[in-house]
Amino acid sequence: MEQNKDHYRTQHPYHVWDSLQMIPALIDDCLEGEVQSDIQKIGTDFQARGINKLIMLGRGSSYFAALAVESLFEKLTKIQSAAM
């Protein structure tokens, strides 16, 4: 079976790569607003309900997004977090 070479990218745009590169700036933007306090409220709610670990599941770009926020979530909520 012959592959159609028109479907292979050999130059920009690589949309997933661009999205991954935007994550640090997006996190910074989120922390400037109400998002930080919202995350802390979620952490307080989790602790009140006895939730002591957050496991974030993802594949592809959603996995990389989970990796990007796991330490941030843990820092803000004091709840053990893991991206898988």
Protein backbone atom coordinates (compact mmCIF):
# COMPACT_ATOMS: atom_id res chain seq x y z
CA MET A 1 0.00 0.00 0.00
CA GLU A 2 1.47 3.31 -1.08
CA GLN A 3 1.53 6.12 1.49
CA ASN A 4 0.38 9.56 0.43
CA LYS A 5 3.39 11.76 1.14
CA ASP A 6 1.20 14.87 1.17
CA HIS A 7 0.00 13.86 4.65
CA TYR A 8 3.47 14.02 6.22
CA ARG A 9 4.62 17.34 7.57
CA THR A 10 8.16 18.33 6.89
CA GLN A 11 7.90 21.91 8.06
CA HIS A 12 5.85 24.22 10.24
CA PRO A 13 3.07 24.36 11.39
CA TYR A 14 3.40 21.70 14.06
CA HIS A 15 0.28 22.54 16.06
CA VAL A 16 0.86 20.16 18.97
CA TRP A 17 4.41 21.45 19.44
CA ASP A 18 3.17 25.04 19.41
CA SER A 19 0.51 24.17 21.98
CA LEU A 20 3.06 22.53 24.26
CA GLN A 21 5.33 25.56 24.02
CA MET A 22 2.46 27.79 25.15
CA ILE A 23 1.86 25.93 28.43
CA PRO A 24 4.27 27.90 30.68
CA ALA A 25 2.85 31.25 29.55
CA LEU A 26 -0.71 29.99 29.97
CA ILE A 27 0.03 28.85 33.52
CA ASP A 28 1.53 32.26 34.29
CA ASP A 29 -1.59 33.95 32.91
CA CYS A 30 -3.83 31.72 35.01
CA LEU A 31 -1.95 32.49 38.20
CA GLU A 32 -2.36 36.22 37.68
CA GLY A 33 -6.14 35.93 37.91
CA GLU A 34 -8.60 34.14 40.11
CA VAL A 35 -7.43 30.69 39.04
CA GLN A 36 -4.87 30.36 41.84
CA SER A 37 -7.48 30.91 44.55
CA ASP A 38 -9.89 28.57 42.72
CA ILE A 39 -7.24 25.82 42.74
CA GLN A 40 -6.66 26.39 46.44
CA LYS A 41 -10.43 26.14 47.08
CA ILE A 42 -10.49 22.85 45.18
CA GLY A 43 -7.63 21.62 47.37
CA THR A 44 -9.50 22.62 50.53
CA ASP A 45 -12.61 20.81 49.27
CA PHE A 46 -10.58 17.70 48.40
CA GLN A 47 -9.00 17.65 51.86
CA ALA A 48 -12.39 18.07 53.55
CA ARG A 49 -13.64 15.07 51.57
CA GLY A 50 -10.61 12.97 52.50
CA ILE A 51 -9.07 13.05 49.03
CA ASN A 52 -5.30 12.93 49.48
CA LYS A 53 -4.09 12.18 45.95
CA LEU A 54 -4.95 13.46 42.47
CA ILE A 55 -4.14 11.29 39.48
CA MET A 56 -4.43 13.06 36.13
CA LEU A 57 -4.70 10.78 33.13
CA GLY A 58 -3.93 11.80 29.59
CA ARG A 59 -2.59 10.75 26.27
CA GLY A 60 -0.65 12.92 23.87
CA SER A 61 -1.08 16.63 24.46
CA SER A 62 -3.43 16.11 27.42
CA TYR A 63 -0.71 14.06 29.13
CA PHE A 64 1.79 16.87 28.61
CA ALA A 65 -0.73 19.36 29.98
CA ALA A 66 -1.14 17.16 33.08
CA LEU A 67 2.64 17.00 33.47
CA ALA A 68 2.80 20.78 33.23
CA VAL A 69 0.33 21.35 36.07
CA GLU A 70 0.99 18.42 38.42
CA SER A 71 3.65 20.16 40.51
CA LEU A 72 1.72 23.44 40.44
CA PHE A 73 -1.44 21.74 41.72
CA GLU A 74 0.55 19.95 44.42
CA LYS A 75 2.25 23.18 45.49
CA LEU A 76 -1.01 25.12 45.73
CA THR A 77 -3.11 22.41 47.37
CA LYS A 78 -0.59 20.32 49.35
CA ILE A 79 -2.26 17.26 47.77
CA GLN A 80 -0.04 14.64 46.18
CA SER A 81 -0.49 14.79 42.39
CA ALA A 82 0.64 12.58 39.54
CA ALA A 83 0.29 12.69 35.78
CA MET A 84 0.00 9.37 34.01
